[in-house]
């Protein structure tokens, strides 16, 4: 049978295959690459014609911790902390014990008592996430991050630039991420965003899954409705109560009936069930807020204790704002009572701010009325209404000590930048006394 070479892939009839490790040809049915012997061969009839991708880092937080501490490599690792906290991320070893994201820590440790628990280090994860996005932008300017560890990429039109198909470009990007950043990712390749994201979750970790145009309806029909992006637990229960369990049930339903029953959501369900998604990749995604929160091991009602925690969180928020070159005009305080009721309080500043001192002092004003003897299990603080940091205020202009505290904070930032963030505790040096 005649074989035609096409940008790193051989085409056997309509069947296309690329070795994911050396990017050379693979026969239509061979289990291993004839060049390097790798079994990691991607095959699909539409492999070299699809250009919409979703890349998702595998167990991102845990992967970063294992990268930085090789002793953790073969151990179950849970990112989280506190007896009353929740799991942020579980590595794939821990997941075999039934541990999953958002699971209460006590349940996770009951399921996997030998797990190594690591407190989240968001600054480190944010740095790695930024590095991944920079590598993505090396292959296409059309990158739309949707979280710290995942993004959509539109590679249409990149064939002439890279002289290879989008599929091969993605494979080379994956290996570059592994080699330069030290983590693995999974890729979904399809003809729109919804299907690309769906595909990326089909074969994790280190997966490369494809959903082509010809197979879209059949692939979706065999999936549960919960696989549709945006269908959460509550909506899934509602659909199941109405007799809609599989996506095939949505495909059979009349679009007008779905709209009559579920409104605009019904129209969205009808179209996504058929794999219809016209959304484009938007390379600039606005950051809406920056925040930090913590769940206490024991409920706290004392104002001084809550205030001390708030200072540390304000410091974290300020660090993230400075790293992103952003400042916020609205300060947001979040509290959760011992009976899990959430209280959110906002304060709009006269000018945007990014300094810990400013965030903390605004947080004080929000916290004092709430510290009325109520016991809280969680406290968080953040900034929203974000703008670029140029011209961010240094504090209350009527406060004669504002400039001094701002100068002290910047001095501490420079020391931390040079010697590491743990070299000095900014909270001990410039935390203002309660007024």
Protein backbone atom coordinates (compact mmCIF):
# COMPACT_ATOMS: atom_id res chain seq x y z
CA UNK A 1 0.00 0.00 0.00
CA UNK A 2 1.36 3.39 -0.93
CA UNK A 3 2.28 5.66 1.94
CA UNK A 4 2.25 9.45 1.64
CA UNK A 5 4.42 11.56 3.96
CA UNK A 6 2.54 14.51 5.55
CA UNK A 7 4.22 16.72 8.14
CA UNK A 8 5.55 14.01 10.40
CA UNK A 9 2.76 11.51 9.77
CA UNK A 10 2.23 8.77 7.27
CA UNK A 11 -1.24 8.53 5.77
CA UNK A 12 -2.43 4.99 5.12
CA UNK A 13 -5.66 5.49 3.28
CA UNK A 14 -7.35 7.85 5.73
CA UNK A 15 -5.69 6.46 8.86
CA UNK A 16 -3.01 8.84 10.17
CA UNK A 17 -0.46 8.09 12.87
CA UNK A 18 2.35 9.95 14.63
CA UNK A 19 4.79 8.69 17.26
CA UNK A 20 4.39 10.94 20.29
CA UNK A 21 7.99 10.43 21.40
CA UNK A 22 10.06 10.87 18.23
CA UNK A 23 7.41 12.36 15.89
CA UNK A 24 8.24 10.02 13.04
CA UNK A 25 6.00 7.77 11.02
CA UNK A 26 4.00 4.90 12.45
CA UNK A 27 2.23 2.28 10.40
CA UNK A 28 -1.52 2.12 10.50
CA UNK A 29 -1.64 -0.96 12.74
CA UNK A 30 1.83 -1.32 14.30
CA UNK A 31 1.79 -1.21 18.10
CA UNK A 32 5.22 0.37 18.35
CA UNK A 33 7.05 3.07 16.48
CA UNK A 34 9.40 1.59 13.89
CA UNK A 35 11.99 4.28 14.66
CA UNK A 36 12.19 4.43 18.48
CA UNK A 37 10.09 1.48 19.64
CA UNK A 38 7.70 3.66 21.66
CA UNK A 39 4.14 2.35 22.12
CA UNK A 40 2.86 5.92 22.39
CA UNK A 41 1.41 6.28 18.92
CA UNK A 42 -1.48 8.63 18.18
CA UNK A 43 -3.83 7.34 15.48
CA UNK A 44 -6.92 8.95 14.07
CA UNK A 45 -8.52 9.51 10.69
CA UNK A 46 -8.58 13.28 11.30
CA UNK A 47 -5.35 13.53 13.29
CA UNK A 48 -3.59 16.04 11.04
CA UNK A 49 -6.63 18.15 10.14
CA UNK A 50 -7.83 19.21 13.62
CA UNK A 51 -6.48 22.35 15.27
CA UNK A 52 -8.44 23.12 18.47
CA UNK A 53 -6.73 21.86 21.62
CA UNK A 54 -7.16 21.82 25.36
CA UNK A 55 -4.09 21.20 27.52
CA UNK A 56 -4.51 20.21 31.16
CA UNK A 57 -1.58 19.73 33.55
CA UNK A 58 -1.70 16.37 35.32
CA UNK A 59 -2.33 16.67 39.09
CA UNK A 60 -0.58 20.02 38.80
CA UNK A 61 0.09 21.02 42.43
CA UNK A 62 1.17 17.50 43.39
CA UNK A 63 3.32 17.22 40.25
CA UNK A 64 5.20 20.41 41.19
CA UNK A 65 5.84 19.10 44.71
CA UNK A 66 7.09 15.76 43.36
CA UNK A 67 9.31 17.56 40.89
CA UNK A 68 10.89 19.60 43.67
CA UNK A 69 11.18 16.69 46.11
CA UNK A 70 12.14 13.40 44.39
CA UNK A 71 11.53 11.51 47.63
CA UNK A 72 7.80 12.00 47.02
CA UNK A 73 7.86 10.51 43.53
CA UNK A 74 6.50 7.07 44.41
CA UNK A 75 4.38 8.14 47.37
CA UNK A 76 0.72 9.17 47.59
CA UNK A 77 0.71 12.96 47.89
CA UNK A 78 -2.19 15.19 48.92
CA UNK A 79 -2.02 18.94 48.56
CA UNK A 80 -4.14 20.49 51.28
CA UNK A 81 -3.89 20.72 55.01
CA UNK A 82 -5.60 21.19 58.29
CA UNK A 83 -7.83 18.63 59.85
CA UNK A 84 -10.85 20.62 58.68
CA UNK A 85 -9.50 21.66 55.31
CA UNK A 86 -10.14 20.07 51.94
CA UNK A 87 -8.00 18.41 49.28
CA UNK A 88 -6.72 20.84 46.67
CA UNK A 89 -5.05 18.18 44.53
CA UNK A 90 -4.26 14.51 44.91
CA UNK A 91 -1.56 12.77 42.90
CA UNK A 92 -2.56 9.76 40.81
CA UNK A 93 -1.22 7.32 43.40
CA UNK A 94 -3.46 8.87 46.06
CA UNK A 95 -6.39 8.78 43.65
CA UNK A 96 -6.16 4.99 43.50
CA UNK A 97 -7.22 5.06 47.17
CA UNK A 98 -10.30 7.10 46.31
CA UNK A 99 -8.89 10.52 47.24
CA UNK A 100 -10.20 13.36 45.10
CA UNK A 101 -10.21 17.15 44.88
CA UNK A 102 -12.51 19.01 47.30
CA UNK A 103 -12.72 15.95 49.59
CA UNK A 104 -12.54 16.83 53.31
CA UNK A 105 -9.05 16.12 54.63
CA UNK A 106 -10.24 13.77 57.36
CA UNK A 107 -11.96 11.60 54.75
CA UNK A 108 -8.93 11.69 52.46
CA UNK A 109 -6.60 10.58 55.27
CA UNK A 110 -9.02 7.87 56.29
CA UNK A 111 -8.99 6.55 52.72
CA UNK A 112 -5.21 6.92 52.39
CA UNK A 113 -3.63 7.06 55.87
CA UNK A 114 -0.07 6.79 54.51
CA UNK A 115 -0.42 9.86 52.29
CA UNK A 116 2.11 12.68 52.51
CA UNK A 117 0.21 15.94 53.05
CA UNK A 118 1.81 19.10 51.66
CA UNK A 119 0.52 22.59 52.32
CA UNK A 120 -0.26 24.50 49.10
CA UNK A 121 2.44 26.89 47.91
CA UNK A 122 0.49 29.03 45.47
CA UNK A 123 3.33 31.35 44.49
CA UNK A 124 5.37 28.36 43.31
CA UNK A 125 2.43 26.93 41.37
CA UNK A 126 1.65 30.30 39.80
CA UNK A 127 5.25 30.57 38.59
CA UNK A 128 5.13 27.13 36.98
CA UNK A 129 1.73 27.86 35.43
CA UNK A 130 3.13 31.03 33.88
CA UNK A 131 6.06 29.07 32.45
CA UNK A 132 3.67 26.57 30.86
CA UNK A 133 1.64 29.38 29.27
CA UNK A 134 4.81 30.97 27.88
CA UNK A 135 5.69 27.70 26.15
CA UNK A 136 2.16 27.49 24.79
CA UNK A 137 2.46 30.98 23.34
CA UNK A 138 5.65 29.91 21.57
CA UNK A 139 3.52 27.71 19.29
CA UNK A 140 0.44 29.93 18.86
CA UNK A 141 -0.65 33.38 20.00
CA UNK A 142 -4.18 32.05 20.46
CA UNK A 143 -3.91 30.76 24.03
CA UNK A 144 -6.81 31.16 26.45
CA UNK A 145 -5.98 30.15 30.04
CA UNK A 146 -9.04 29.01 31.98
CA UNK A 147 -7.20 28.26 35.22
CA UNK A 148 -3.67 28.13 36.57
CA UNK A 149 -3.05 24.73 34.98
CA UNK A 150 -5.16 24.49 31.82
CA UNK A 151 -5.77 26.40 28.62
CA UNK A 152 -7.32 26.28 25.17
CA UNK A 153 -5.07 26.63 22.13
CA UNK A 154 -6.16 27.37 18.57
CA UNK A 155 -3.45 26.16 16.18
CA UNK A 156 -5.29 26.83 12.94
CA UNK A 157 -2.95 28.48 10.47
CA UNK A 158 0.22 27.34 12.24
CA UNK A 159 1.06 24.60 9.71
CA UNK A 160 3.04 26.95 7.48
CA UNK A 161 4.79 28.54 10.45
CA UNK A 162 5.94 25.28 12.06
CA UNK A 163 5.94 23.16 8.88
CA UNK A 164 4.00 20.42 10.60
CA UNK A 165 0.43 19.60 11.57
CA UNK A 166 -1.11 21.05 14.74
CA UNK A 167 -1.07 17.54 16.22
CA UNK A 168 2.70 17.20 15.85
CA UNK A 169 3.23 20.74 17.12
CA UNK A 170 1.27 19.79 20.25
CA UNK A 171 3.30 16.62 20.74
CA UNK A 172 6.54 18.58 20.57
CA UNK A 173 5.12 21.13 23.01
CA UNK A 174 4.18 18.37 25.46
CA UNK A 175 7.73 16.99 25.52
CA UNK A 176 9.15 20.49 25.90
CA UNK A 177 6.94 21.07 28.95
CA UNK A 178 8.14 17.78 30.44
CA UNK A 179 11.81 18.54 29.79
CA UNK A 180 11.89 22.23 30.75
CA UNK A 181 9.32 22.42 33.54
CA UNK A 182 9.37 18.85 34.82
CA UNK A 183 5.64 18.06 34.78
CA UNK A 184 3.32 16.18 32.46
CA UNK A 185 0.19 17.32 30.66
CA UNK A 186 -2.72 15.74 28.82
CA UNK A 187 -4.00 16.98 25.47
CA UNK A 188 -7.44 16.95 23.90
CA UNK A 189 -7.61 17.67 20.16
CA UNK A 190 -10.84 18.32 18.30
CA UNK A 191 -12.76 20.81 16.14
CA UNK A 192 -14.14 23.03 18.93
CA UNK A 193 -13.46 24.03 22.53
CA UNK A 194 -16.14 21.89 24.19
CA UNK A 195 -14.93 18.69 22.53
CA UNK A 196 -11.25 19.51 23.02
CA UNK A 197 -11.77 19.92 26.76
CA UNK A 198 -13.82 16.73 26.87
CA UNK A 199 -11.08 14.86 25.01
CA UNK A 200 -8.30 16.01 27.34
CA UNK A 201 -9.95 14.18 30.22
CA UNK A 202 -10.36 10.87 28.41
CA UNK A 203 -6.84 9.53 28.91
CA UNK A 204 -4.93 10.97 31.87
CA UNK A 205 -2.11 11.30 32.76
CA UNK A 206 0.10 12.00 29.70
CA UNK A 207 -2.84 11.45 27.42
CA UNK A 208 -3.40 12.57 23.84
CA UNK A 209 -7.02 12.05 22.84
CA UNK A 210 -8.81 13.04 19.65
CA UNK A 211 -12.50 13.55 18.90
CA UNK A 212 -13.07 14.05 15.17
CA UNK A 213 -15.99 15.53 13.32
CA UNK A 214 -17.22 12.21 11.96
CA UNK A 215 -17.42 10.53 15.35
CA UNK A 216 -18.74 13.48 17.39
CA UNK A 217 -22.37 12.38 17.74
CA UNK A 218 -21.57 8.75 18.50
CA UNK A 219 -18.85 9.63 21.02
CA UNK A 220 -21.10 12.03 22.90
CA UNK A 221 -24.13 9.71 22.81
CA UNK A 222 -22.30 7.12 24.93
CA UNK A 223 -21.45 9.63 27.70
CA UNK A 224 -23.31 10.60 30.84
CA UNK A 225 -24.89 14.07 30.88
CA UNK A 226 -22.50 15.00 33.69
CA UNK A 227 -19.71 15.07 31.11
CA UNK A 228 -21.14 18.25 29.61
CA UNK A 229 -19.05 21.18 30.76
CA UNK A 230 -21.07 23.23 33.24
CA UNK A 231 -23.48 20.49 34.31
CA UNK A 232 -22.84 20.24 38.05
CA UNK A 233 -24.26 17.88 40.65
CA UNK A 234 -27.49 19.81 41.14
CA UNK A 235 -28.24 20.08 37.42
CA UNK A 236 -27.30 16.45 36.88
CA UNK A 237 -29.79 15.35 39.53
CA UNK A 238 -32.47 17.51 37.94
CA UNK A 239 -31.83 16.05 34.50
CA UNK A 240 -31.82 12.51 35.84
CA UNK A 241 -35.12 13.17 37.64
CA UNK A 242 -36.53 14.21 34.26
CA UNK A 243 -35.36 10.97 32.67
CA UNK A 244 -32.25 12.42 31.01
CA UNK A 245 -29.25 10.34 31.99
CA UNK A 246 -27.12 10.03 28.88
CA UNK A 247 -26.15 12.63 26.33
CA UNK A 248 -27.97 10.42 23.84
CA UNK A 249 -31.19 11.36 25.65
CA UNK A 250 -30.49 15.04 24.94
CA UNK A 251 -29.71 14.30 21.32
CA UNK A 252 -33.12 12.67 20.91
CA UNK A 253 -35.00 15.45 22.68
CA UNK A 254 -36.62 18.33 20.80
CA UNK A 255 -34.63 21.54 21.21
CA UNK A 256 -37.81 23.55 21.81
CA UNK A 257 -38.90 21.19 24.57
CA UNK A 258 -35.53 21.54 26.28
CA UNK A 259 -35.77 25.33 26.09
CA UNK A 260 -39.29 25.29 27.48
CA UNK A 261 -38.14 23.17 30.41
CA UNK A 262 -34.70 24.65 31.16
CA UNK A 263 -34.69 28.04 29.43
CA UNK A 264 -31.43 29.16 27.80
CA UNK A 265 -29.64 26.30 29.51
CA UNK A 266 -31.87 23.94 27.53
CA UNK A 267 -30.67 25.46 24.27
CA UNK A 268 -27.06 25.11 25.41
CA UNK A 269 -27.60 21.47 26.39
CA UNK A 270 -29.21 20.68 23.06
CA UNK A 271 -26.36 22.16 21.06
CA UNK A 272 -23.53 20.77 23.15
CA UNK A 273 -25.12 17.31 23.02
CA UNK A 274 -24.60 17.49 19.26
CA UNK A 275 -21.06 18.80 19.64
CA UNK A 276 -21.93 22.30 18.44
CA UNK A 277 -19.73 25.01 19.92
CA UNK A 278 -18.88 28.21 18.05
CA UNK A 279 -16.85 29.89 20.78
CA UNK A 280 -13.47 31.20 19.71
CA UNK A 281 -10.27 31.09 21.70
CA UNK A 282 -9.83 34.46 23.39
CA UNK A 283 -6.12 35.01 24.02
CA UNK A 284 -6.65 37.69 26.68
CA UNK A 285 -8.58 36.48 29.70
CA UNK A 286 -9.31 39.01 32.41
CA UNK A 287 -8.35 38.12 35.95
CA UNK A 288 -11.39 38.98 38.02
CA UNK A 289 -9.97 38.71 41.51
CA UNK A 290 -6.96 37.69 43.61
CA UNK A 291 -7.56 36.18 47.04
CA UNK A 292 -6.29 33.90 49.78
CA UNK A 293 -8.19 32.03 52.46
CA UNK A 294 -7.64 29.46 55.18
CA UNK A 295 -9.77 26.98 57.11
CA UNK A 296 -9.01 26.82 60.84
CA UNK A 297 -8.38 23.60 62.73
CA UNK A 298 -10.61 24.99 65.48
CA UNK A 299 -13.33 27.65 65.22
CA UNK A 300 -12.13 31.18 66.07
CA UNK A 301 -14.29 33.96 67.48
CA UNK A 302 -11.63 36.21 69.03
CA UNK A 303 -10.99 39.37 66.99
CA UNK A 304 -7.25 39.54 67.68
CA UNK A 305 -6.77 35.96 66.45
CA UNK A 306 -8.84 36.59 63.34
CA UNK A 307 -6.93 39.81 62.69
CA UNK A 308 -3.59 38.01 62.89
CA UNK A 309 -4.71 35.45 60.35
CA UNK A 310 -6.04 38.21 58.10
CA UNK A 311 -2.66 39.95 58.09
CA UNK A 312 -0.90 36.83 56.82
CA UNK A 313 -3.53 36.38 54.12
CA UNK A 314 -3.32 40.03 53.10
CA UNK A 315 0.44 39.56 52.73
CA UNK A 316 -0.15 36.60 50.40
CA UNK A 317 -2.68 38.54 48.32
CA UNK A 318 -0.31 41.48 48.02
CA UNK A 319 2.50 39.19 46.87
CA UNK A 320 0.30 37.74 44.15
CA UNK A 321 -0.88 41.19 43.07
CA UNK A 322 2.69 42.40 42.73
CA UNK A 323 3.72 39.31 40.77
CA UNK A 324 0.83 39.87 38.34
CA UNK A 325 1.36 43.65 38.22
CA UNK A 326 -2.25 44.18 39.29
CA UNK A 327 -4.03 46.20 41.94
CA UNK A 328 -7.64 46.10 43.11
CA UNK A 329 -10.10 48.79 44.03
CA UNK A 330 -12.48 46.55 45.98
CA UNK A 331 -11.40 44.65 49.10
CA UNK A 332 -13.43 41.50 49.79
CA UNK A 333 -13.63 39.78 53.18
CA UNK A 334 -14.96 36.22 53.32
CA UNK A 335 -16.01 34.45 56.51
CA UNK A 336 -17.59 31.06 57.02
CA UNK A 337 -19.38 30.31 60.28
CA UNK A 338 -19.16 27.04 62.15
CA UNK A 339 -22.49 26.01 60.59
CA UNK A 340 -21.05 26.60 57.09
CA UNK A 341 -22.86 29.87 56.35
CA UNK A 342 -20.76 32.23 54.25
CA UNK A 343 -20.53 35.97 54.88
CA UNK A 344 -19.01 38.24 52.25
CA UNK A 345 -18.26 41.90 52.90
CA UNK A 346 -16.90 44.45 50.39
CA UNK A 347 -15.19 47.83 50.67
CA UNK A 348 -14.42 50.01 47.65
CA UNK A 349 -11.26 52.10 47.99
CA UNK A 350 -10.80 55.59 46.60
CA UNK A 351 -7.92 54.26 44.49
CA UNK A 352 -6.72 50.76 43.50
CA UNK A 353 -4.19 49.18 45.86
CA UNK A 354 -1.81 46.22 45.95
CA UNK A 355 0.08 46.74 49.22
CA UNK A 356 -0.49 44.34 52.11
CA UNK A 357 -0.78 47.30 54.46
CA UNK A 358 -3.66 48.82 52.49
CA UNK A 359 -5.46 45.50 52.01
CA UNK A 360 -5.08 44.68 55.69
CA UNK A 361 -6.35 48.02 56.96
CA UNK A 362 -9.42 47.81 54.71
CA UNK A 363 -9.93 44.26 55.96
CA UNK A 364 -9.83 45.54 59.54
CA UNK A 365 -12.79 47.80 58.84
CA UNK A 366 -14.74 44.90 57.38
CA UNK A 367 -13.81 42.43 60.10
CA UNK A 368 -14.57 44.47 63.22
CA UNK A 369 -18.38 44.46 62.87
CA UNK A 370 -18.33 40.71 62.18
CA UNK A 371 -16.17 39.86 65.21
CA UNK A 372 -19.16 39.95 67.54
CA UNK A 373 -18.64 36.61 69.24
CA UNK A 374 -19.55 34.53 66.19
CA UNK A 375 -17.29 31.51 65.74
CA UNK A 376 -15.74 31.18 62.30
CA UNK A 377 -14.19 28.15 60.62
CA UNK A 378 -12.77 30.02 57.59
CA UNK A 379 -11.43 33.47 56.80
CA UNK A 380 -10.37 34.87 53.46
CA UNK A 381 -9.47 38.23 51.98
CA UNK A 382 -8.97 39.37 48.42
CA UNK A 383 -9.11 42.17 45.90
CA UNK A 384 -11.38 42.60 42.88
CA UNK A 385 -12.09 45.30 40.28
CA UNK A 386 -8.53 44.74 39.09
CA UNK A 387 -6.47 47.15 37.01
CA UNK A 388 -2.81 47.36 36.09
CA UNK A 389 -0.73 48.30 39.11
CA UNK A 390 0.67 51.57 37.77
CA UNK A 391 -0.27 54.33 40.16
CA UNK A 392 -1.60 52.06 42.91
CA UNK A 393 -2.07 54.02 46.10
CA UNK A 394 0.23 53.71 49.11
CA UNK A 395 -2.52 54.07 51.65
CA UNK A 396 -4.71 56.65 53.30
CA UNK A 397 -3.37 60.06 52.28
CA UNK A 398 -4.57 61.44 55.62
CA UNK A 399 -2.45 58.88 57.46
CA UNK A 400 1.00 60.44 58.03
CA UNK A 401 2.59 56.99 58.48
CA UNK A 402 1.26 55.53 55.21
CA UNK A 403 4.33 56.43 53.17
CA UNK A 404 6.66 55.05 55.82
CA UNK A 405 4.82 51.72 55.94
CA UNK A 406 4.73 51.52 52.15
CA UNK A 407 8.49 52.15 51.98
CA UNK A 408 9.07 49.47 54.62
CA UNK A 409 6.93 47.00 52.69
CA UNK A 410 8.81 47.65 49.44
CA UNK A 411 12.11 47.24 51.29
CA UNK A 412 10.99 43.86 52.62
CA UNK A 413 9.89 42.85 49.10
CA UNK A 414 13.40 43.57 47.79
CA UNK A 415 15.00 41.48 50.54
CA UNK A 416 12.61 38.61 49.82
CA UNK A 417 13.26 38.87 46.11
CA UNK A 418 16.99 38.55 46.69
CA UNK A 419 17.11 35.96 49.47
CA UNK A 420 13.76 34.18 49.28
CA UNK A 421 10.32 34.86 50.69
CA UNK A 422 11.03 33.03 53.99
CA UNK A 423 14.12 35.05 54.87
CA UNK A 424 12.05 37.70 56.63
CA UNK A 425 8.61 37.75 58.18
CA UNK A 426 7.05 40.93 56.90
CA UNK A 427 4.26 40.58 59.44
CA UNK A 428 6.62 41.07 62.37
CA UNK A 429 8.18 44.17 60.89
CA UNK A 430 5.36 46.39 59.65
CA UNK A 431 2.04 45.07 60.87
CA UNK A 432 0.20 48.14 62.16
CA UNK A 433 -1.33 48.13 65.58
CA UNK A 434 -5.15 47.90 65.65
CA UNK A 435 -6.82 51.29 65.76
